[in-house]
All heavy atoms as atom14 arrays in JSON, in Angstrom:
{
  "sequence": "CGLAGGLFSRLLLWPQRAAAAPLWAWRRQRPVLFAGICGLAVALLG",
  "atom14_mask": [
    [1, 1, 1, 1, 1, 1, 0, 0, 0, 0, 0, 0, 0, 0],
    [1, 1, 1, 1, 0, 0, 0, 0, 0, 0, 0, 0, 0, 0],
    [1, 1, 1, 1, 1, 1, 1, 1, 0, 0, 0, 0, 0, 0],
    [1, 1, 1, 1, 1, 0, 0, 0, 0, 0, 0, 0, 0, 0],
    [1, 1, 1, 1, 0, 0, 0, 0, 0, 0, 0, 0, 0, 0],
    [1, 1, 1, 1, 0, 0, 0, 0, 0, 0, 0, 0, 0, 0],
    [1, 1, 1, 1, 1, 1, 1, 1, 0, 0, 0, 0, 0, 0],
    [1, 1, 1, 1, 1, 1, 1, 1, 1, 1, 1, 0, 0, 0],
    [1, 1, 1, 1, 1, 1, 0, 0, 0, 0, 0, 0, 0, 0],
    [1, 1, 1, 1, 1, 1, 1, 1, 1, 1, 1, 0, 0, 0],
    [1, 1, 1, 1, 1, 1, 1, 1, 0, 0, 0, 0, 0, 0],
    [1, 1, 1, 1, 1, 1, 1, 1, 0, 0, 0, 0, 0, 0],
    [1, 1, 1, 1, 1, 1, 1, 1, 0, 0, 0, 0, 0, 0],
    [1, 1, 1, 1, 1, 1, 1, 1, 1, 1, 1, 1, 1, 1],
    [1, 1, 1, 1, 1, 1, 1, 0, 0, 0, 0, 0, 0, 0],
    [1, 1, 1, 1, 1, 1, 1, 1, 1, 0, 0, 0, 0, 0],
    [1, 1, 1, 1, 1, 1, 1, 1, 1, 1, 1, 0, 0, 0],
    [1, 1, 1, 1, 1, 0, 0, 0, 0, 0, 0, 0, 0, 0],
    [1, 1, 1, 1, 1, 0, 0, 0, 0, 0, 0, 0, 0, 0],
    [1, 1, 1, 1, 1, 0, 0, 0, 0, 0, 0, 0, 0, 0],
    [1, 1, 1, 1, 1, 0, 0, 0, 0, 0, 0, 0, 0, 0],
    [1, 1, 1, 1, 1, 1, 1, 0, 0, 0, 0, 0, 0, 0],
    [1, 1, 1, 1, 1, 1, 1, 1, 0, 0, 0, 0, 0, 0],
    [1, 1, 1, 1, 1, 1, 1, 1, 1, 1, 1, 1, 1, 1],
    [1, 1, 1, 1, 1, 0, 0, 0, 0, 0, 0, 0, 0, 0],
    [1, 1, 1, 1, 1, 1, 1, 1, 1, 1, 1, 1, 1, 1],
    [1, 1, 1, 1, 1, 1, 1, 1, 1, 1, 1, 0, 0, 0],
    [1, 1, 1, 1, 1, 1, 1, 1, 1, 1, 1, 0, 0, 0],
    [1, 1, 1, 1, 1, 1, 1, 1, 1, 0, 0, 0, 0, 0],
    [1, 1, 1, 1, 1, 1, 1, 1, 1, 1, 1, 0, 0, 0],
    [1, 1, 1, 1, 1, 1, 1, 0, 0, 0, 0, 0, 0, 0],
    [1, 1, 1, 1, 1, 1, 1, 0, 0, 0, 0, 0, 0, 0],
    [1, 1, 1, 1, 1, 1, 1, 1, 0, 0, 0, 0, 0, 0],
    [1, 1, 1, 1, 1, 1, 1, 1, 1, 1, 1, 0, 0, 0],
    [1, 1, 1, 1, 1, 0, 0, 0, 0, 0, 0, 0, 0, 0],
    [1, 1, 1, 1, 0, 0, 0, 0, 0, 0, 0, 0, 0, 0],
    [1, 1, 1, 1, 1, 1, 1, 1, 0, 0, 0, 0, 0, 0],
    [1, 1, 1, 1, 1, 1, 0, 0, 0, 0, 0, 0, 0, 0],
    [1, 1, 1, 1, 0, 0, 0, 0, 0, 0, 0, 0, 0, 0],
    [1, 1, 1, 1, 1, 1, 1, 1, 0, 0, 0, 0, 0, 0],
    [1, 1, 1, 1, 1, 0, 0, 0, 0, 0, 0, 0, 0, 0],
    [1, 1, 1, 1, 1, 1, 1, 0, 0, 0, 0, 0, 0, 0],
    [1, 1, 1, 1, 1, 0, 0, 0, 0, 0, 0, 0, 0, 0],
    [1, 1, 1, 1, 1, 1, 1, 1, 0, 0, 0, 0, 0, 0],
    [1, 1, 1, 1, 1, 1, 1, 1, 0, 0, 0, 0, 0, 0],
    [1, 1, 1, 1, 0, 0, 0, 0, 0, 0, 0, 0, 0, 0]
  ],
  "atom14_positions": [
    [[-12.57, 16.53, 6.92], [-12.69, 15.52, 5.87], [-11.81, 15.83, 4.67], [-11.28, 14.92, 4.02], [-14.14, 15.39, 5.43], [-15.22, 14.69, 6.7], [0.0, 0.0, 0.0], [0.0, 0.0, 0.0], [0.0, 0.0, 0.0], [0.0, 0.0, 0.0], [0.0, 0.0, 0.0], [0.0, 0.0, 0.0], [0.0, 0.0, 0.0], [0.0, 0.0, 0.0]],
    [[-11.64, 17.11, 4.36], [-10.76, 17.48, 3.26], [-9.33, 17.06, 3.51], [-8.66, 16.5, 2.63], [0.0, 0.0, 0.0], [0.0, 0.0, 0.0], [0.0, 0.0, 0.0], [0.0, 0.0, 0.0], [0.0, 0.0, 0.0], [0.0, 0.0, 0.0], [0.0, 0.0, 0.0], [0.0, 0.0, 0.0], [0.0, 0.0, 0.0], [0.0, 0.0, 0.0]],
    [[-8.84, 17.3, 4.72], [-7.47, 16.9, 5.07], [-7.33, 15.38, 5.11], [-6.39, 14.82, 4.53], [-7.09, 17.51, 6.41], [-6.91, 19.04, 6.42], [-6.75, 19.54, 7.85], [-5.71, 19.44, 5.57], [0.0, 0.0, 0.0], [0.0, 0.0, 0.0], [0.0, 0.0, 0.0], [0.0, 0.0, 0.0], [0.0, 0.0, 0.0], [0.0, 0.0, 0.0]],
    [[-8.27, 14.72, 5.8], [-8.19, 13.26, 5.93], [-8.38, 12.58, 4.57], [-7.65, 11.64, 4.22], [-9.23, 12.77, 6.93], [0.0, 0.0, 0.0], [0.0, 0.0, 0.0], [0.0, 0.0, 0.0], [0.0, 0.0, 0.0], [0.0, 0.0, 0.0], [0.0, 0.0, 0.0], [0.0, 0.0, 0.0], [0.0, 0.0, 0.0], [0.0, 0.0, 0.0]],
    [[-9.38, 13.04, 3.8], [-9.63, 12.43, 2.5], [-8.52, 12.71, 1.51], [-8.18, 11.85, 0.68], [0.0, 0.0, 0.0], [0.0, 0.0, 0.0], [0.0, 0.0, 0.0], [0.0, 0.0, 0.0], [0.0, 0.0, 0.0], [0.0, 0.0, 0.0], [0.0, 0.0, 0.0], [0.0, 0.0, 0.0], [0.0, 0.0, 0.0], [0.0, 0.0, 0.0]],
    [[-7.93, 13.89, 1.58], [-6.8, 14.2, 0.71], [-5.61, 13.32, 1.01], [-4.92, 12.83, 0.09], [0.0, 0.0, 0.0], [0.0, 0.0, 0.0], [0.0, 0.0, 0.0], [0.0, 0.0, 0.0], [0.0, 0.0, 0.0], [0.0, 0.0, 0.0], [0.0, 0.0, 0.0], [0.0, 0.0, 0.0], [0.0, 0.0, 0.0], [0.0, 0.0, 0.0]],
    [[-5.34, 13.09, 2.3], [-4.25, 12.18, 2.68], [-4.55, 10.76, 2.22], [-3.66, 10.04, 1.73], [-4.05, 12.23, 4.19], [-3.02, 11.25, 4.78], [-1.64, 11.53, 4.22], [-3.03, 11.32, 6.3], [0.0, 0.0, 0.0], [0.0, 0.0, 0.0], [0.0, 0.0, 0.0], [0.0, 0.0, 0.0], [0.0, 0.0, 0.0], [0.0, 0.0, 0.0]],
    [[-5.79, 10.34, 2.39], [-6.23, 9.01, 1.96], [-5.97, 8.81, 0.46], [-5.37, 7.81, 0.04], [-7.71, 8.86, 2.28], [-8.32, 7.55, 1.89], [-8.13, 6.43, 2.67], [-9.12, 7.46, 0.76], [-8.71, 5.21, 2.32], [-9.7, 6.26, 0.41], [-9.5, 5.12, 1.19], [0.0, 0.0, 0.0], [0.0, 0.0, 0.0], [0.0, 0.0, 0.0]],
    [[-6.4, 9.78, -0.34], [-6.2, 9.7, -1.79], [-4.72, 9.68, -2.14], [-4.27, 8.93, -3.01], [-6.9, 10.89, -2.46], [-6.66, 10.88, -3.85], [0.0, 0.0, 0.0], [0.0, 0.0, 0.0], [0.0, 0.0, 0.0], [0.0, 0.0, 0.0], [0.0, 0.0, 0.0], [0.0, 0.0, 0.0], [0.0, 0.0, 0.0], [0.0, 0.0, 0.0]],
    [[-3.94, 10.48, -1.44], [-2.51, 10.54, -1.71], [-1.83, 9.21, -1.4], [-0.94, 8.76, -2.13], [-1.88, 11.67, -0.89], [-0.47, 12.04, -1.32], [0.02, 13.27, -0.58], [1.33, 13.67, -1.05], [1.55, 14.45, -2.08], [0.52, 14.95, -2.76], [2.78, 14.77, -2.45], [0.0, 0.0, 0.0], [0.0, 0.0, 0.0], [0.0, 0.0, 0.0]],
    [[-2.25, 8.56, -0.31], [-1.68, 7.26, 0.04], [-2.05, 6.19, -0.99], [-1.23, 5.33, -1.32], [-2.15, 6.85, 1.43], [-1.52, 7.58, 2.61], [-2.21, 7.19, 3.92], [-0.02, 7.29, 2.68], [0.0, 0.0, 0.0], [0.0, 0.0, 0.0], [0.0, 0.0, 0.0], [0.0, 0.0, 0.0], [0.0, 0.0, 0.0], [0.0, 0.0, 0.0]],
    [[-3.26, 6.24, -1.51], [-3.66, 5.27, -2.52], [-2.87, 5.46, -3.82], [-2.67, 4.5, -4.57], [-5.16, 5.37, -2.81], [-6.12, 5.01, -1.67], [-7.54, 4.91, -2.19], [-5.72, 3.72, -0.98], [0.0, 0.0, 0.0], [0.0, 0.0, 0.0], [0.0, 0.0, 0.0], [0.0, 0.0, 0.0], [0.0, 0.0, 0.0], [0.0, 0.0, 0.0]],
    [[-2.43, 6.67, -4.06], [-1.63, 6.94, -5.27], [-0.15, 6.69, -5.07], [0.63, 6.76, -6.02], [-1.84, 8.39, -5.71], [-3.2, 8.72, -6.33], [-3.36, 10.22, -6.49], [-3.37, 8.02, -7.66], [0.0, 0.0, 0.0], [0.0, 0.0, 0.0], [0.0, 0.0, 0.0], [0.0, 0.0, 0.0], [0.0, 0.0, 0.0], [0.0, 0.0, 0.0]],
    [[0.27, 6.41, -3.84], [1.69, 6.22, -3.55], [2.34, 5.13, -4.42], [3.43, 5.35, -4.98], [1.86, 5.91, -2.06], [3.28, 5.78, -1.6], [4.39, 6.31, -2.18], [3.74, 5.04, -0.45], [5.51, 5.97, -1.47], [5.14, 5.19, -0.4], [3.09, 4.3, 0.53], [5.92, 4.6, 0.59], [3.86, 3.71, 1.52], [5.25, 3.86, 1.55]],
    [[1.73, 3.94, -4.59], [2.38, 2.93, -5.45], [2.59, 3.4, -6.88], [3.55, 2.98, -7.53], [1.4, 1.75, -5.4], [0.63, 1.94, -4.14], [0.49, 3.43, -3.98], [0.0, 0.0, 0.0], [0.0, 0.0, 0.0], [0.0, 0.0, 0.0], [0.0, 0.0, 0.0], [0.0, 0.0, 0.0], [0.0, 0.0, 0.0], [0.0, 0.0, 0.0]],
    [[1.71, 4.26, -7.36], [1.86, 4.76, -8.74], [2.91, 5.85, -8.81], [3.74, 5.88, -9.72], [0.52, 5.3, -9.24], [0.55, 5.76, -10.69], [-0.7, 6.52, -11.08], [-1.0, 7.55, -10.51], [-1.44, 5.99, -12.05], [0.0, 0.0, 0.0], [0.0, 0.0, 0.0], [0.0, 0.0, 0.0], [0.0, 0.0, 0.0], [0.0, 0.0, 0.0]],
    [[2.92, 6.75, -7.82], [3.83, 7.88, -7.86], [5.27, 7.48, -7.53], [6.21, 8.18, -7.91], [3.35, 8.96, -6.88], [1.98, 9.53, -7.24], [1.42, 10.38, -6.12], [2.1, 11.65, -6.02], [1.51, 12.84, -6.03], [0.19, 12.89, -6.18], [2.18, 13.93, -5.92], [0.0, 0.0, 0.0], [0.0, 0.0, 0.0], [0.0, 0.0, 0.0]],
    [[5.43, 6.37, -6.81], [6.77, 5.9, -6.46], [6.94, 4.46, -6.93], [7.39, 3.59, -6.19], [6.98, 6.0, -4.95], [0.0, 0.0, 0.0], [0.0, 0.0, 0.0], [0.0, 0.0, 0.0], [0.0, 0.0, 0.0], [0.0, 0.0, 0.0], [0.0, 0.0, 0.0], [0.0, 0.0, 0.0], [0.0, 0.0, 0.0], [0.0, 0.0, 0.0]],
    [[6.6, 4.23, -8.2], [6.58, 2.87, -8.73], [7.95, 2.2, -8.67], [8.04, 0.98, -8.57], [6.06, 2.88, -10.17], [0.0, 0.0, 0.0], [0.0, 0.0, 0.0], [0.0, 0.0, 0.0], [0.0, 0.0, 0.0], [0.0, 0.0, 0.0], [0.0, 0.0, 0.0], [0.0, 0.0, 0.0], [0.0, 0.0, 0.0], [0.0, 0.0, 0.0]],
    [[9.02, 3.0, -8.73], [10.37, 2.42, -8.73], [10.9, 2.14, -7.33], [11.97, 1.56, -7.19], [11.33, 3.36, -9.46], [0.0, 0.0, 0.0], [0.0, 0.0, 0.0], [0.0, 0.0, 0.0], [0.0, 0.0, 0.0], [0.0, 0.0, 0.0], [0.0, 0.0, 0.0], [0.0, 0.0, 0.0], [0.0, 0.0, 0.0], [0.0, 0.0, 0.0]],
    [[10.17, 2.53, -6.3], [10.62, 2.3, -4.93], [10.73, 0.79, -4.65], [9.96, 0.0, -5.19], [9.66, 2.95, -3.95], [0.0, 0.0, 0.0], [0.0, 0.0, 0.0], [0.0, 0.0, 0.0], [0.0, 0.0, 0.0], [0.0, 0.0, 0.0], [0.0, 0.0, 0.0], [0.0, 0.0, 0.0], [0.0, 0.0, 0.0], [0.0, 0.0, 0.0]],
    [[11.69, 0.39, -3.8], [11.89, -1.05, -3.52], [10.63, -1.76, -3.04], [10.39, -2.91, -3.42], [12.98, -1.04, -2.44], [13.72, 0.24, -2.66], [12.7, 1.23, -3.13], [0.0, 0.0, 0.0], [0.0, 0.0, 0.0], [0.0, 0.0, 0.0], [0.0, 0.0, 0.0], [0.0, 0.0, 0.0], [0.0, 0.0, 0.0], [0.0, 0.0, 0.0]],
    [[9.81, -1.09, -2.21], [8.61, -1.73, -1.69], [7.68, -2.16, -2.8], [7.18, -3.3, -2.83], [7.9, -0.78, -0.72], [6.57, -1.28, -0.14], [6.79, -2.53, 0.71], [5.88, -0.18, 0.67], [0.0, 0.0, 0.0], [0.0, 0.0, 0.0], [0.0, 0.0, 0.0], [0.0, 0.0, 0.0], [0.0, 0.0, 0.0], [0.0, 0.0, 0.0]],
    [[7.42, -1.26, -3.75], [6.47, -1.57, -4.8], [7.07, -2.47, -5.86], [6.33, -3.25, -6.5], [5.93, -0.27, -5.39], [5.41, 0.64, -4.33], [5.85, 1.89, -4.02], [4.39, 0.34, -3.36], [5.18, 2.4, -2.95], [4.27, 1.47, -2.52], [3.56, -0.76, -3.14], [3.36, 1.52, -1.48], [2.67, -0.72, -2.09], [2.56, 0.4, -1.28]],
    [[8.37, -2.4, -6.05], [9.02, -3.35, -6.95], [8.91, -4.77, -6.39], [8.66, -5.74, -7.12], [10.49, -2.97, -7.14], [0.0, 0.0, 0.0], [0.0, 0.0, 0.0], [0.0, 0.0, 0.0], [0.0, 0.0, 0.0], [0.0, 0.0, 0.0], [0.0, 0.0, 0.0], [0.0, 0.0, 0.0], [0.0, 0.0, 0.0], [0.0, 0.0, 0.0]],
    [[9.08, -4.9, -5.07], [8.95, -6.21, -4.42], [7.52, -6.71, -4.5], [7.29, -7.92, -4.68], [9.4, -6.1, -2.96], [9.47, -7.43, -2.28], [10.43, -8.38, -2.44], [8.53, -7.95, -1.33], [10.15, -9.48, -1.65], [8.99, -9.24, -0.96], [7.35, -7.46, -0.76], [8.31, -10.04, -0.05], [6.67, -8.26, 0.15], [7.14, -9.53, 0.5]],
    [[6.54, -5.8, -4.39], [5.14, -6.22, -4.52], [4.87, -6.79, -5.9], [4.14, -7.78, -6.04], [4.2, -5.03, -4.27], [2.73, -5.43, -4.29], [1.79, -4.28, -4.04], [1.68, -3.37, -5.16], [0.69, -2.49, -5.33], [-0.27, -2.39, -4.42], [0.66, -1.7, -6.36], [0.0, 0.0, 0.0], [0.0, 0.0, 0.0], [0.0, 0.0, 0.0]],
    [[5.44, -6.19, -6.93], [5.23, -6.72, -8.28], [5.86, -8.1, -8.45], [5.37, -8.92, -9.21], [5.81, -5.74, -9.32], [5.02, -4.45, -9.44], [5.47, -3.63, -10.65], [6.83, -3.12, -10.48], [7.13, -1.97, -9.88], [6.15, -1.21, -9.38], [8.37, -1.57, -9.78], [0.0, 0.0, 0.0], [0.0, 0.0, 0.0], [0.0, 0.0, 0.0]],
    [[6.96, -8.36, -7.75], [7.65, -9.64, -7.85], [6.98, -10.72, -7.01], [6.98, -11.9, -7.37], [9.11, -9.48, -7.42], [9.92, -8.57, -8.32], [11.27, -8.21, -7.71], [11.62, -8.67, -6.62], [12.03, -7.38, -8.42], [0.0, 0.0, 0.0], [0.0, 0.0, 0.0], [0.0, 0.0, 0.0], [0.0, 0.0, 0.0], [0.0, 0.0, 0.0]],
    [[6.41, -10.36, -5.86], [5.81, -11.3, -4.93], [4.39, -10.85, -4.53], [4.12, -10.57, -3.37], [6.68, -11.42, -3.67], [8.09, -11.9, -3.9], [8.12, -13.41, -4.14], [9.5, -13.9, -4.17], [10.27, -13.91, -5.25], [9.79, -13.41, -6.4], [11.5, -14.4, -5.21], [0.0, 0.0, 0.0], [0.0, 0.0, 0.0], [0.0, 0.0, 0.0]],
    [[3.48, -10.78, -5.49], [2.15, -10.23, -5.18], [1.37, -11.06, -4.16], [0.66, -10.5, -3.32], [1.44, -10.21, -6.54], [2.15, -11.24, -7.35], [3.58, -11.19, -6.9], [0.0, 0.0, 0.0], [0.0, 0.0, 0.0], [0.0, 0.0, 0.0], [0.0, 0.0, 0.0], [0.0, 0.0, 0.0], [0.0, 0.0, 0.0], [0.0, 0.0, 0.0]],
    [[1.49, -12.38, -4.2], [0.73, -13.23, -3.28], [1.25, -13.07, -1.85], [0.46, -12.9, -0.9], [0.8, -14.7, -3.72], [0.09, -15.6, -2.71], [0.16, -14.86, -5.1], [0.0, 0.0, 0.0], [0.0, 0.0, 0.0], [0.0, 0.0, 0.0], [0.0, 0.0, 0.0], [0.0, 0.0, 0.0], [0.0, 0.0, 0.0], [0.0, 0.0, 0.0]],
    [[2.56, -13.08, -1.68], [3.14, -12.9, -0.35], [2.84, -11.51, 0.18], [2.53, -11.33, 1.37], [4.65, -13.14, -0.4], [5.41, -13.0, 0.92], [4.84, -13.95, 1.97], [6.9, -13.25, 0.7], [0.0, 0.0, 0.0], [0.0, 0.0, 0.0], [0.0, 0.0, 0.0], [0.0, 0.0, 0.0], [0.0, 0.0, 0.0], [0.0, 0.0, 0.0]],
    [[2.92, -10.51, -0.68], [2.62, -9.15, -0.27], [1.17, -9.04, 0.21], [0.88, -8.37, 1.21], [2.86, -8.18, -1.42], [2.84, -6.73, -1.03], [4.0, -6.08, -0.62], [1.66, -6.0, -1.05], [3.99, -4.75, -0.24], [1.63, -4.67, -0.67], [2.81, -4.05, -0.27], [0.0, 0.0, 0.0], [0.0, 0.0, 0.0], [0.0, 0.0, 0.0]],
    [[0.25, -9.71, -0.5], [-1.16, -9.7, -0.08], [-1.32, -10.33, 1.3], [-2.12, -9.87, 2.12], [-2.01, -10.44, -1.1], [0.0, 0.0, 0.0], [0.0, 0.0, 0.0], [0.0, 0.0, 0.0], [0.0, 0.0, 0.0], [0.0, 0.0, 0.0], [0.0, 0.0, 0.0], [0.0, 0.0, 0.0], [0.0, 0.0, 0.0], [0.0, 0.0, 0.0]],
    [[-0.56, -11.4, 1.57], [-0.63, -12.02, 2.88], [-0.15, -11.11, 3.98], [-0.75, -11.05, 5.07], [0.0, 0.0, 0.0], [0.0, 0.0, 0.0], [0.0, 0.0, 0.0], [0.0, 0.0, 0.0], [0.0, 0.0, 0.0], [0.0, 0.0, 0.0], [0.0, 0.0, 0.0], [0.0, 0.0, 0.0], [0.0, 0.0, 0.0], [0.0, 0.0, 0.0]],
    [[0.91, -10.35, 3.73], [1.43, -9.41, 4.73], [0.42, -8.29, 4.98], [0.16, -7.91, 6.13], [2.79, -8.84, 4.26], [3.83, -9.96, 4.23], [3.25, -7.71, 5.18], [5.15, -9.55, 3.59], [0.0, 0.0, 0.0], [0.0, 0.0, 0.0], [0.0, 0.0, 0.0], [0.0, 0.0, 0.0], [0.0, 0.0, 0.0], [0.0, 0.0, 0.0]],
    [[-0.17, -7.77, 3.9], [-1.2, -6.74, 4.07], [-2.4, -7.3, 4.83], [-2.97, -6.62, 5.7], [-1.66, -6.22, 2.7], [-0.44, -5.19, 1.85], [0.0, 0.0, 0.0], [0.0, 0.0, 0.0], [0.0, 0.0, 0.0], [0.0, 0.0, 0.0], [0.0, 0.0, 0.0], [0.0, 0.0, 0.0], [0.0, 0.0, 0.0], [0.0, 0.0, 0.0]],
    [[-2.78, -8.54, 4.52], [-3.88, -9.16, 5.23], [-3.6, -9.32, 6.71], [-4.49, -9.1, 7.55], [0.0, 0.0, 0.0], [0.0, 0.0, 0.0], [0.0, 0.0, 0.0], [0.0, 0.0, 0.0], [0.0, 0.0, 0.0], [0.0, 0.0, 0.0], [0.0, 0.0, 0.0], [0.0, 0.0, 0.0], [0.0, 0.0, 0.0], [0.0, 0.0, 0.0]],
    [[-2.36, -9.65, 7.06], [-2.0, -9.76, 8.47], [-2.1, -8.4, 9.17], [-2.6, -8.32, 10.3], [-0.58, -10.31, 8.59], [-0.05, -10.48, 10.02], [-0.93, -11.43, 10.83], [1.4, -10.96, 10.0], [0.0, 0.0, 0.0], [0.0, 0.0, 0.0], [0.0, 0.0, 0.0], [0.0, 0.0, 0.0], [0.0, 0.0, 0.0], [0.0, 0.0, 0.0]],
    [[-1.64, -7.36, 8.48], [-1.73, -6.01, 9.06], [-3.19, -5.59, 9.25], [-3.56, -5.01, 10.29], [-1.0, -5.01, 8.17], [0.0, 0.0, 0.0], [0.0, 0.0, 0.0], [0.0, 0.0, 0.0], [0.0, 0.0, 0.0], [0.0, 0.0, 0.0], [0.0, 0.0, 0.0], [0.0, 0.0, 0.0], [0.0, 0.0, 0.0], [0.0, 0.0, 0.0]],
    [[-4.06, -5.89, 8.27], [-5.49, -5.59, 8.4], [-6.08, -6.35, 9.58], [-6.86, -5.8, 10.37], [-6.23, -5.96, 7.09], [-7.75, -5.9, 7.3], [-5.82, -5.04, 5.95], [0.0, 0.0, 0.0], [0.0, 0.0, 0.0], [0.0, 0.0, 0.0], [0.0, 0.0, 0.0], [0.0, 0.0, 0.0], [0.0, 0.0, 0.0], [0.0, 0.0, 0.0]],
    [[-5.68, -7.61, 9.72], [-6.2, -8.44, 10.81], [-5.77, -7.89, 12.17], [-6.57, -7.86, 13.12], [-5.7, -9.87, 10.64], [0.0, 0.0, 0.0], [0.0, 0.0, 0.0], [0.0, 0.0, 0.0], [0.0, 0.0, 0.0], [0.0, 0.0, 0.0], [0.0, 0.0, 0.0], [0.0, 0.0, 0.0], [0.0, 0.0, 0.0], [0.0, 0.0, 0.0]],
    [[-4.53, -7.45, 12.28], [-4.04, -6.93, 13.55], [-4.76, -5.63, 13.92], [-5.08, -5.4, 15.1], [-2.53, -6.71, 13.48], [-1.69, -7.99, 13.39], [-0.21, -7.66, 13.22], [-1.92, -8.88, 14.61], [0.0, 0.0, 0.0], [0.0, 0.0, 0.0], [0.0, 0.0, 0.0], [0.0, 0.0, 0.0], [0.0, 0.0, 0.0], [0.0, 0.0, 0.0]],
    [[-5.02, -4.78, 12.92], [-5.8, -3.57, 13.2], [-7.2, -3.93, 13.68], [-7.73, -3.32, 14.62], [-5.89, -2.7, 11.94], [-4.62, -1.95, 11.51], [-4.88, -1.21, 10.2], [-4.16, -0.98, 12.58], [0.0, 0.0, 0.0], [0.0, 0.0, 0.0], [0.0, 0.0, 0.0], [0.0, 0.0, 0.0], [0.0, 0.0, 0.0], [0.0, 0.0, 0.0]],
    [[-7.8, -4.93, 13.04], [-9.13, -5.36, 13.45], [-9.14, -5.96, 14.84], [-10.05, -5.71, 15.64], [0.0, 0.0, 0.0], [0.0, 0.0, 0.0], [0.0, 0.0, 0.0], [0.0, 0.0, 0.0], [0.0, 0.0, 0.0], [0.0, 0.0, 0.0], [0.0, 0.0, 0.0], [0.0, 0.0, 0.0], [0.0, 0.0, 0.0], [0.0, 0.0, 0.0]]
  ]
}
């Protein structure tokens, strides 16, 4: 759990730690479309 939870926390902090990365810059510009893409990925996992 320490390894898995540590990785989980690190991934949640990724948008903050790499705020200038193209992916997160695009999310700030297109938040609604980005939410739709994330929703599709969640749906496919489900």
